[in-house]
Amino acid sequence: MDGFSFCISNLENEKDELFTEYLFDTQLKTPEALLEEIKPVFKNDKNLHLDFKNVNVIYRNNLNSLVPIAYFDENNLSQYLNFSIKTLKTDYIAYDTLKNTKANNVYIPYVNINNYLFQHFGEFEYRHHLSVYIDKLIDLNNENDSKTMYINVDHKSFDIVVLKGKELLFSNIFSYKTKEDFLYFVLFVAEQLKLDTNSFNLFISGKINEDSEVFKLCYKYIRNIKFLESNNSIFNFLEAKRHSNFILLHK
């Protein structure tokens, strides 16, 4: 609701060749307002008018809930969301099957955005950002027995995922206004999962750097904080830090 970004990849050499990010002036409140912001982007950005073999869309929002497969029923999608968010009868509800986890991610995509993208691109696939994040983390996590926390930071929200080897122990999306809010949620999760702040590893990515107040405050309380950097060669041509834009660019 606060921006739009895209990455163009060459399927032949499996390299990302272009990354572009648009940030809106304000946090939008409705899918209708989002569409009005996106339309000029598509009209004016010539790179969005190329011919693409595949198009994959990722929705970033907190309108989701992870449901263990043992309790999952495709006919009851709205019930899973009603525990945590307010849904409308007109909402379209979708779900992603996580690759390496016995759970499905139930969420609300924006139907009007989907319709607009279909008119522009034709057929495409879409997923929720937390599904992409969890799948990527499980693929790269090599710490077999220890519990590891991962945080991906956006403008006013962040994702926390905790893994033990390839096992997903925890995932959630938190909204925050102050650096104290941010720290509270991190320490609360650590306490609930019995993570020792002097020993567990925290890998952080997204819109955060060493100079940010959030990072400085967390560093006072958590000993082992590292940025989750990418080997993607596209960062050789970007001003962005290698730990930024994890969802689209991390390799």
C-alpha atoms as a PDB file:
ATOM      1  CA  MET A   1       0.000   0.000   0.000  1.00  0.00           C
ATOM      2  CA  ASP A   2       2.993   2.341   0.054  1.00  0.00           C
ATOM      3  CA  GLY A   3       4.787   1.451  -3.152  1.00  0.00           C
ATOM      4  CA  PHE A   4       5.358  -0.717  -6.187  1.00  0.00           C
ATOM      5  CA  SER A   5       8.556  -2.411  -7.325  1.00  0.00           C
ATOM      6  CA  PHE A   6       9.505  -4.864 -10.014  1.00  0.00           C
ATOM      7  CA  CYS A   7      12.436  -6.920 -11.199  1.00  0.00           C
ATOM      8  CA  ILE A   8      13.096  -8.137 -14.753  1.00  0.00           C
ATOM      9  CA  SER A   9      15.039 -11.379 -15.087  1.00  0.00           C
ATOM     10  CA  ASN A  10      16.691 -13.059 -18.049  1.00  0.00           C
ATOM     11  CA  LEU A  11      15.564 -16.693 -18.016  1.00  0.00           C
ATOM     12  CA  GLU A  12      18.396 -17.828 -20.288  1.00  0.00           C
ATOM     13  CA  ASN A  13      21.242 -16.824 -17.980  1.00  0.00           C
ATOM     14  CA  GLU A  14      19.097 -16.725 -14.813  1.00  0.00           C
ATOM     15  CA  LYS A  15      20.238 -13.200 -14.002  1.00  0.00           C
ATOM     16  CA  ASP A  16      18.223 -10.261 -12.781  1.00  0.00           C
ATOM     17  CA  GLU A  17      18.805  -7.398 -15.197  1.00  0.00           C
ATOM     18  CA  LEU A  18      16.645  -4.535 -13.909  1.00  0.00           C
ATOM     19  CA  PHE A  19      15.174  -3.461 -10.585  1.00  0.00           C
ATOM     20  CA  THR A  20      12.875  -0.452 -10.192  1.00  0.00           C
ATOM     21  CA  GLU A  21      11.083   0.847  -7.106  1.00  0.00           C
ATOM     22  CA  TYR A  22       8.334   3.444  -6.795  1.00  0.00           C
ATOM     23  CA  LEU A  23       7.507   4.814  -3.345  1.00  0.00           C
ATOM     24  CA  PHE A  24       4.215   6.616  -2.808  1.00  0.00           C
ATOM     25  CA  ASP A  25       3.943   9.823  -0.778  1.00  0.00           C
ATOM     26  CA  THR A  26       1.465   8.337   1.680  1.00  0.00           C
ATOM     27  CA  GLN A  27       0.325   4.966   2.949  1.00  0.00           C
ATOM     28  CA  LEU A  28      -2.764   4.162   0.881  1.00  0.00           C
ATOM     29  CA  LYS A  29      -5.859   2.832   2.580  1.00  0.00           C
ATOM     30  CA  THR A  30      -7.802   1.016  -0.136  1.00  0.00           C
ATOM     31  CA  PRO A  31      -7.078  -1.209  -3.137  1.00  0.00           C
ATOM     32  CA  GLU A  32      -8.909   1.357  -5.269  1.00  0.00           C
ATOM     33  CA  ALA A  33      -6.447   4.091  -4.239  1.00  0.00           C
ATOM     34  CA  LEU A  34      -3.572   1.700  -4.907  1.00  0.00           C
ATOM     35  CA  LEU A  35      -4.775   1.062  -8.434  1.00  0.00           C
ATOM     36  CA  GLU A  36      -4.935   4.799  -9.155  1.00  0.00           C
ATOM     37  CA  GLU A  37      -1.291   5.128  -8.087  1.00  0.00           C
ATOM     38  CA  ILE A  38      -0.188   2.147 -10.152  1.00  0.00           C
ATOM     39  CA  LYS A  39      -1.884   3.137 -13.396  1.00  0.00           C
ATOM     40  CA  PRO A  40       0.487   6.082 -14.158  1.00  0.00           C
ATOM     41  CA  VAL A  41       3.467   3.846 -13.398  1.00  0.00           C
ATOM     42  CA  PHE A  42       2.378   1.336 -16.010  1.00  0.00           C
ATOM     43  CA  LYS A  43       1.575   4.080 -18.472  1.00  0.00           C
ATOM     44  CA  ASN A  44       4.950   5.814 -18.216  1.00  0.00           C
ATOM     45  CA  ASP A  45       7.475   3.052 -17.501  1.00  0.00           C
ATOM     46  CA  LYS A  46       8.528   1.583 -20.850  1.00  0.00           C
ATOM     47  CA  ASN A  47      10.085  -1.467 -19.191  1.00  0.00           C
ATOM     48  CA  LEU A  48       6.636  -2.642 -18.172  1.00  0.00           C
ATOM     49  CA  HIS A  49       5.641  -2.778 -21.849  1.00  0.00           C
ATOM     50  CA  LEU A  50       8.190  -5.409 -22.861  1.00  0.00           C
ATOM     51  CA  ASP A  51       7.135  -8.915 -23.821  1.00  0.00           C
ATOM     52  CA  PHE A  52       7.538 -11.282 -20.877  1.00  0.00           C
ATOM     53  CA  LYS A  53       7.498 -15.050 -20.930  1.00  0.00           C
ATOM     54  CA  ASN A  54       6.417 -15.295 -17.298  1.00  0.00           C
ATOM     55  CA  VAL A  55       4.964 -12.753 -14.880  1.00  0.00           C
ATOM     56  CA  ASN A  56       4.922 -13.346 -11.129  1.00  0.00           C
ATOM     57  CA  VAL A  57       3.148 -10.947  -8.784  1.00  0.00           C
ATOM     58  CA  ILE A  58       3.812 -10.670  -5.051  1.00  0.00           C
ATOM     59  CA  TYR A  59       1.362  -8.981  -2.692  1.00  0.00           C
ATOM     60  CA  ARG A  60       2.786  -7.478   0.462  1.00  0.00           C
ATOM     61  CA  ASN A  61       0.159  -7.044   3.168  1.00  0.00           C
ATOM     62  CA  ASN A  62      -0.748  -8.375   6.611  1.00  0.00           C
ATOM     63  CA  LEU A  63      -4.092  -9.814   5.494  1.00  0.00           C
ATOM     64  CA  ASN A  64      -2.996 -13.408   5.958  1.00  0.00           C
ATOM     65  CA  SER A  65      -2.835 -16.396   8.262  1.00  0.00           C
ATOM     66  CA  LEU A  66      -0.743 -19.570   8.161  1.00  0.00           C
ATOM     67  CA  VAL A  67      -2.804 -22.732   8.566  1.00  0.00           C
ATOM     68  CA  PRO A  68      -1.292 -26.186   9.214  1.00  0.00           C
ATOM     69  CA  ILE A  69      -2.302 -28.625   6.479  1.00  0.00           C
ATOM     70  CA  ALA A  70      -3.771 -30.966   9.096  1.00  0.00           C
ATOM     71  CA  TYR A  71      -6.402 -28.317   9.895  1.00  0.00           C
ATOM     72  CA  PHE A  72      -6.801 -26.887   6.402  1.00  0.00           C
ATOM     73  CA  ASP A  73     -10.069 -26.983   4.468  1.00  0.00           C
ATOM     74  CA  GLU A  74     -10.258 -25.069   1.201  1.00  0.00           C
ATOM     75  CA  ASN A  75     -13.968 -24.480   1.810  1.00  0.00           C
ATOM     76  CA  ASN A  76     -13.352 -22.517   5.012  1.00  0.00           C
ATOM     77  CA  LEU A  77     -10.766 -19.937   3.949  1.00  0.00           C
ATOM     78  CA  SER A  78     -12.589 -16.940   5.392  1.00  0.00           C
ATOM     79  CA  GLN A  79     -12.812 -18.548   8.826  1.00  0.00           C
ATOM     80  CA  TYR A  80      -9.027 -18.713   9.121  1.00  0.00           C
ATOM     81  CA  LEU A  81      -8.735 -14.972   8.533  1.00  0.00           C
ATOM     82  CA  ASN A  82     -11.649 -13.937  10.739  1.00  0.00           C
ATOM     83  CA  PHE A  83      -9.630 -14.740  13.853  1.00  0.00           C
ATOM     84  CA  SER A  84      -7.158 -11.948  13.152  1.00  0.00           C
ATOM     85  CA  ILE A  85      -8.578  -9.527  10.561  1.00  0.00           C
ATOM     86  CA  LYS A  86     -11.948  -8.208   9.476  1.00  0.00           C
ATOM     87  CA  THR A  87     -13.052  -9.671   6.162  1.00  0.00           C
ATOM     88  CA  LEU A  88     -15.894  -8.666   3.892  1.00  0.00           C
ATOM     89  CA  LYS A  89     -18.237 -10.993   2.020  1.00  0.00           C
ATOM     90  CA  THR A  90     -16.934  -9.476  -1.206  1.00  0.00           C
ATOM     91  CA  ASP A  91     -13.269 -10.254  -0.402  1.00  0.00           C
ATOM     92  CA  TYR A  92     -11.595 -12.811  -2.621  1.00  0.00           C
ATOM     93  CA  ILE A  93      -9.462 -15.146  -0.515  1.00  0.00           C
ATOM     94  CA  ALA A  94      -6.581 -17.178  -1.902  1.00  0.00           C
ATOM     95  CA  TYR A  95      -3.905 -19.431  -0.439  1.00  0.00           C
ATOM     96  CA  ASP A  96      -0.338 -20.478  -1.185  1.00  0.00           C
ATOM     97  CA  THR A  97       1.039 -23.933  -0.491  1.00  0.00           C
ATOM     98  CA  LEU A  98       4.459 -23.531   1.098  1.00  0.00           C
ATOM     99  CA  LYS A  99       7.148 -25.628  -0.550  1.00  0.00           C
ATOM    100  CA  ASN A 100       8.937 -27.006   2.499  1.00  0.00           C
ATOM    101  CA  THR A 101       6.399 -26.530   5.269  1.00  0.00           C
ATOM    102  CA  LYS A 102       3.253 -28.471   6.107  1.00  0.00           C
ATOM    103  CA  ALA A 103       1.132 -25.327   6.056  1.00  0.00           C
ATOM    104  CA  ASN A 104      -0.791 -23.103   3.683  1.00  0.00           C
ATOM    105  CA  ASN A 105      -0.731 -19.319   3.733  1.00  0.00           C
ATOM    106  CA  VAL A 106      -4.289 -17.969   3.450  1.00  0.00           C
ATOM    107  CA  TYR A 107      -4.517 -14.321   2.373  1.00  0.00           C
ATOM    108  CA  ILE A 108      -6.445 -11.609   0.542  1.00  0.00           C
ATOM    109  CA  PRO A 109      -5.025 -10.474  -2.808  1.00  0.00           C
ATOM    110  CA  TYR A 110      -6.469  -7.357  -4.429  1.00  0.00           C
ATOM    111  CA  VAL A 111      -8.934  -8.405  -7.118  1.00  0.00           C
ATOM    112  CA  ASN A 112      -8.949  -5.008  -8.840  1.00  0.00           C
ATOM    113  CA  ILE A 113      -5.149  -5.078  -9.113  1.00  0.00           C
ATOM    114  CA  ASN A 114      -5.275  -8.641 -10.441  1.00  0.00           C
ATOM    115  CA  ASN A 115      -7.815  -7.614 -13.063  1.00  0.00           C
ATOM    116  CA  TYR A 116      -5.696  -4.652 -14.144  1.00  0.00           C
ATOM    117  CA  LEU A 117      -2.542  -6.762 -14.386  1.00  0.00           C
ATOM    118  CA  PHE A 118      -4.390  -9.409 -16.385  1.00  0.00           C
ATOM    119  CA  GLN A 119      -5.473  -6.753 -18.881  1.00  0.00           C
ATOM    120  CA  HIS A 120      -1.872  -5.578 -19.143  1.00  0.00           C
ATOM    121  CA  PHE A 121       0.097  -8.840 -19.125  1.00  0.00           C
ATOM    122  CA  GLY A 122      -2.377 -11.635 -19.722  1.00  0.00           C
ATOM    123  CA  GLU A 123      -2.006 -14.700 -17.508  1.00  0.00           C
ATOM    124  CA  PHE A 124       0.272 -14.468 -14.463  1.00  0.00           C
ATOM    125  CA  GLU A 125       0.851 -16.167 -11.129  1.00  0.00           C
ATOM    126  CA  TYR A 126       0.677 -14.449  -7.759  1.00  0.00           C
ATOM    127  CA  ARG A 127       1.725 -15.211  -4.177  1.00  0.00           C
ATOM    128  CA  HIS A 128       1.800 -13.541  -0.794  1.00  0.00           C
ATOM    129  CA  HIS A 129       5.132 -12.040   0.245  1.00  0.00           C
ATOM    130  CA  LEU A 130       5.349 -14.104   3.437  1.00  0.00           C
ATOM    131  CA  SER A 131       5.066 -17.303   1.398  1.00  0.00           C
ATOM    132  CA  VAL A 132       8.012 -16.216  -0.735  1.00  0.00           C
ATOM    133  CA  TYR A 133       9.995 -15.137   2.330  1.00  0.00           C
ATOM    134  CA  ILE A 134       9.494 -18.399   4.227  1.00  0.00           C
ATOM    135  CA  ASP A 135      10.300 -20.573   1.198  1.00  0.00           C
ATOM    136  CA  LYS A 136      13.515 -18.649   0.513  1.00  0.00           C
ATOM    137  CA  LEU A 137      14.641 -18.804   4.141  1.00  0.00           C
ATOM    138  CA  ILE A 138      14.110 -22.537   4.452  1.00  0.00           C
ATOM    139  CA  ASP A 139      16.085 -23.080   1.244  1.00  0.00           C
ATOM    140  CA  LEU A 140      19.095 -21.161   2.563  1.00  0.00           C
ATOM    141  CA  ASN A 141      19.022 -21.976   6.285  1.00  0.00           C
ATOM    142  CA  ASN A 142      21.938 -24.260   7.165  1.00  0.00           C
ATOM    143  CA  GLU A 143      21.786 -24.097  10.948  1.00  0.00           C
ATOM    144  CA  ASN A 144      20.604 -27.607  11.744  1.00  0.00           C
ATOM    145  CA  ASP A 145      19.847 -27.709  15.459  1.00  0.00           C
ATOM    146  CA  SER A 146      19.874 -24.112  16.621  1.00  0.00           C
ATOM    147  CA  LYS A 147      16.898 -21.769  16.460  1.00  0.00           C
ATOM    148  CA  THR A 148      17.490 -18.871  14.081  1.00  0.00           C
ATOM    149  CA  MET A 149      15.456 -15.682  13.784  1.00  0.00           C
ATOM    150  CA  TYR A 150      15.019 -13.798  10.524  1.00  0.00           C
ATOM    151  CA  ILE A 151      13.550 -10.312  10.209  1.00  0.00           C
ATOM    152  CA  ASN A 152      12.627  -8.528   7.000  1.00  0.00           C
ATOM    153  CA  VAL A 153      11.877  -4.820   7.472  1.00  0.00           C
ATOM    154  CA  ASP A 154       9.489  -2.688   5.455  1.00  0.00           C
ATOM    155  CA  HIS A 155       8.565   0.971   6.044  1.00  0.00           C
ATOM    156  CA  LYS A 156       6.139   0.529   8.935  1.00  0.00           C
ATOM    157  CA  SER A 157       5.991  -3.233   9.309  1.00  0.00           C
ATOM    158  CA  PHE A 158       8.322  -6.213   9.508  1.00  0.00           C
ATOM    159  CA  ASP A 159       8.211  -9.977   9.197  1.00  0.00           C
ATOM    160  CA  ILE A 160       9.643 -12.327  11.807  1.00  0.00           C
ATOM    161  CA  VAL A 161      10.371 -15.945  10.933  1.00  0.00           C
ATOM    162  CA  VAL A 162      12.038 -18.416  13.280  1.00  0.00           C
ATOM    163  CA  LEU A 163      13.481 -21.658  11.954  1.00  0.00           C
ATOM    164  CA  LYS A 164      15.082 -24.706  13.499  1.00  0.00           C
ATOM    165  CA  GLY A 165      16.930 -26.251  10.616  1.00  0.00           C
ATOM    166  CA  LYS A 166      14.313 -26.636   7.892  1.00  0.00           C
ATOM    167  CA  GLU A 167      11.437 -26.564  10.384  1.00  0.00           C
ATOM    168  CA  LEU A 168       9.271 -23.460  10.649  1.00  0.00           C
ATOM    169  CA  LEU A 169       8.683 -22.607  14.315  1.00  0.00           C
ATOM    170  CA  PHE A 170       7.137 -19.152  14.011  1.00  0.00           C
ATOM    171  CA  SER A 171       6.120 -16.497  11.521  1.00  0.00           C
ATOM    172  CA  ASN A 172       4.181 -13.277  11.833  1.00  0.00           C
ATOM    173  CA  ILE A 173       3.911  -9.737  10.491  1.00  0.00           C
ATOM    174  CA  PHE A 174       4.097  -6.816  12.921  1.00  0.00           C
ATOM    175  CA  SER A 175       3.258  -3.151  12.440  1.00  0.00           C
ATOM    176  CA  TYR A 176       5.293  -0.598  14.372  1.00  0.00           C
ATOM    177  CA  LYS A 177       5.530   3.152  14.854  1.00  0.00           C
ATOM    178  CA  THR A 178       8.585   3.559  17.067  1.00  0.00           C
ATOM    179  CA  LYS A 179      11.900   1.788  17.538  1.00  0.00           C
ATOM    180  CA  GLU A 180      10.652   0.689  20.962  1.00  0.00           C
ATOM    181  CA  ASP A 181       7.670  -1.024  19.323  1.00  0.00           C
ATOM    182  CA  PHE A 182      10.041  -2.868  17.035  1.00  0.00           C
ATOM    183  CA  LEU A 183      12.278  -4.047  19.884  1.00  0.00           C
ATOM    184  CA  TYR A 184       9.311  -5.096  22.012  1.00  0.00           C
ATOM    185  CA  PHE A 185       7.976  -7.481  19.377  1.00  0.00           C
ATOM    186  CA  VAL A 186      11.423  -8.967  18.720  1.00  0.00           C
ATOM    187  CA  LEU A 187      12.129  -9.591  22.408  1.00  0.00           C
ATOM    188  CA  PHE A 188       8.598 -10.900  22.972  1.00  0.00           C
ATOM    189  CA  VAL A 189       9.021 -13.512  20.235  1.00  0.00           C
ATOM    190  CA  ALA A 190      12.469 -14.411  21.569  1.00  0.00           C
ATOM    191  CA  GLU A 191      11.045 -14.903  25.054  1.00  0.00           C
ATOM    192  CA  GLN A 192       8.125 -17.042  23.847  1.00  0.00           C
ATOM    193  CA  LEU A 193      10.462 -19.322  21.891  1.00  0.00           C
ATOM    194  CA  LYS A 194      13.086 -19.369  24.647  1.00  0.00           C
ATOM    195  CA  LEU A 195      15.793 -17.749  22.530  1.00  0.00           C
ATOM    196  CA  ASP A 196      18.792 -16.560  24.513  1.00  0.00           C
ATOM    197  CA  THR A 197      19.554 -12.987  23.415  1.00  0.00           C
ATOM    198  CA  ASN A 198      23.248 -13.636  24.093  1.00  0.00           C
ATOM    199  CA  SER A 199      23.526 -16.594  21.751  1.00  0.00           C
ATOM    200  CA  PHE A 200      20.808 -16.918  19.091  1.00  0.00           C
ATOM    201  CA  ASN A 201      21.497 -15.641  15.586  1.00  0.00           C
ATOM    202  CA  LEU A 202      19.352 -12.877  14.106  1.00  0.00           C
ATOM    203  CA  PHE A 203      19.621 -12.251  10.370  1.00  0.00           C
ATOM    204  CA  ILE A 204      18.031  -9.017   9.226  1.00  0.00           C
ATOM    205  CA  SER A 205      17.157  -7.696   5.776  1.00  0.00           C
ATOM    206  CA  GLY A 206      15.038  -5.053   4.086  1.00  0.00           C
ATOM    207  CA  LYS A 207      14.727  -1.332   4.707  1.00  0.00           C
ATOM    208  CA  ILE A 208      17.192  -1.018   7.577  1.00  0.00           C
ATOM    209  CA  ASN A 209      20.894  -0.242   7.978  1.00  0.00           C
ATOM    210  CA  GLU A 210      23.530   0.094  10.694  1.00  0.00           C
ATOM    211  CA  ASP A 211      22.786   3.786  11.155  1.00  0.00           C
ATOM    212  CA  SER A 212      19.046   3.368  11.741  1.00  0.00           C
ATOM    213  CA  GLU A 213      17.707   3.902  15.253  1.00  0.00           C
ATOM    214  CA  VAL A 214      15.897   0.570  15.107  1.00  0.00           C
ATOM    215  CA  PHE A 215      19.085  -1.333  14.396  1.00  0.00           C
ATOM    216  CA  LYS A 216      21.076   0.495  17.083  1.00  0.00           C
ATOM    217  CA  LEU A 217      18.462  -0.248  19.732  1.00  0.00           C
ATOM    218  CA  CYS A 218      18.195  -3.928  18.816  1.00  0.00           C
ATOM    219  CA  TYR A 219      21.974  -4.246  18.840  1.00  0.00           C
ATOM    220  CA  LYS A 220      22.006  -3.215  22.504  1.00  0.00           C
ATOM    221  CA  TYR A 221      19.884  -6.190  23.484  1.00  0.00           C
ATOM    222  CA  ILE A 222      20.761  -8.888  20.958  1.00  0.00           C
ATOM    223  CA  ARG A 223      24.380  -9.924  20.605  1.00  0.00           C
ATOM    224  CA  ASN A 224      24.447 -11.735  17.248  1.00  0.00           C
ATOM    225  CA  ILE A 225      22.816  -9.561  14.591  1.00  0.00           C
ATOM    226  CA  LYS A 226      23.925  -9.911  10.986  1.00  0.00           C
ATOM    227  CA  PHE A 227      22.631  -8.526   7.712  1.00  0.00           C
ATOM    228  CA  LEU A 228      21.374 -11.199   5.330  1.00  0.00           C
ATOM    229  CA  GLU A 229      23.270 -10.194   2.217  1.00  0.00           C
ATOM    230  CA  SER A 230      22.619 -11.381  -1.315  1.00  0.00           C
ATOM    231  CA  ASN A 231      25.063 -12.653  -3.938  1.00  0.00           C
ATOM    232  CA  ASN A 232      22.849 -11.305  -6.713  1.00  0.00           C
ATOM    233  CA  SER A 233      25.087  -9.578  -9.272  1.00  0.00           C
ATOM    234  CA  ILE A 234      22.453  -6.898  -9.879  1.00  0.00           C
ATOM    235  CA  PHE A 235      23.618  -5.188  -6.672  1.00  0.00           C
ATOM    236  CA  ASN A 236      26.849  -4.313  -8.506  1.00  0.00           C
ATOM    237  CA  PHE A 237      24.749  -1.798 -10.434  1.00  0.00           C
ATOM    238  CA  LEU A 238      22.426  -0.611  -7.665  1.00  0.00           C
ATOM    239  CA  GLU A 239      22.943   1.923  -4.916  1.00  0.00           C
ATOM    240  CA  ALA A 240      20.884  -0.279  -2.613  1.00  0.00           C
ATOM    241  CA  LYS A 241      22.501  -2.375   0.119  1.00  0.00           C
ATOM    242  CA  ARG A 242      22.861  -6.093  -0.543  1.00  0.00           C
ATOM    243  CA  HIS A 243      20.512  -6.942   2.306  1.00  0.00           C
ATOM    244  CA  SER A 244      17.691  -4.820   0.857  1.00  0.00           C
ATOM    245  CA  ASN A 245      14.787  -6.020  -1.304  1.00  0.00           C
ATOM    246  CA  PHE A 246      15.093  -9.586  -0.064  1.00  0.00           C
ATOM    247  CA  ILE A 247      11.752 -10.759  -1.446  1.00  0.00           C
ATOM    248  CA  LEU A 248      12.578  -9.875  -5.063  1.00  0.00           C
ATOM    249  CA  LEU A 249      16.353  -9.928  -5.254  1.00  0.00           C
ATOM    250  CA  HIS A 250      17.926 -12.307  -2.766  1.00  0.00           C
ATOM    251  CA  LYS A 251      19.914 -15.159  -4.290  1.00  0.00           C
END
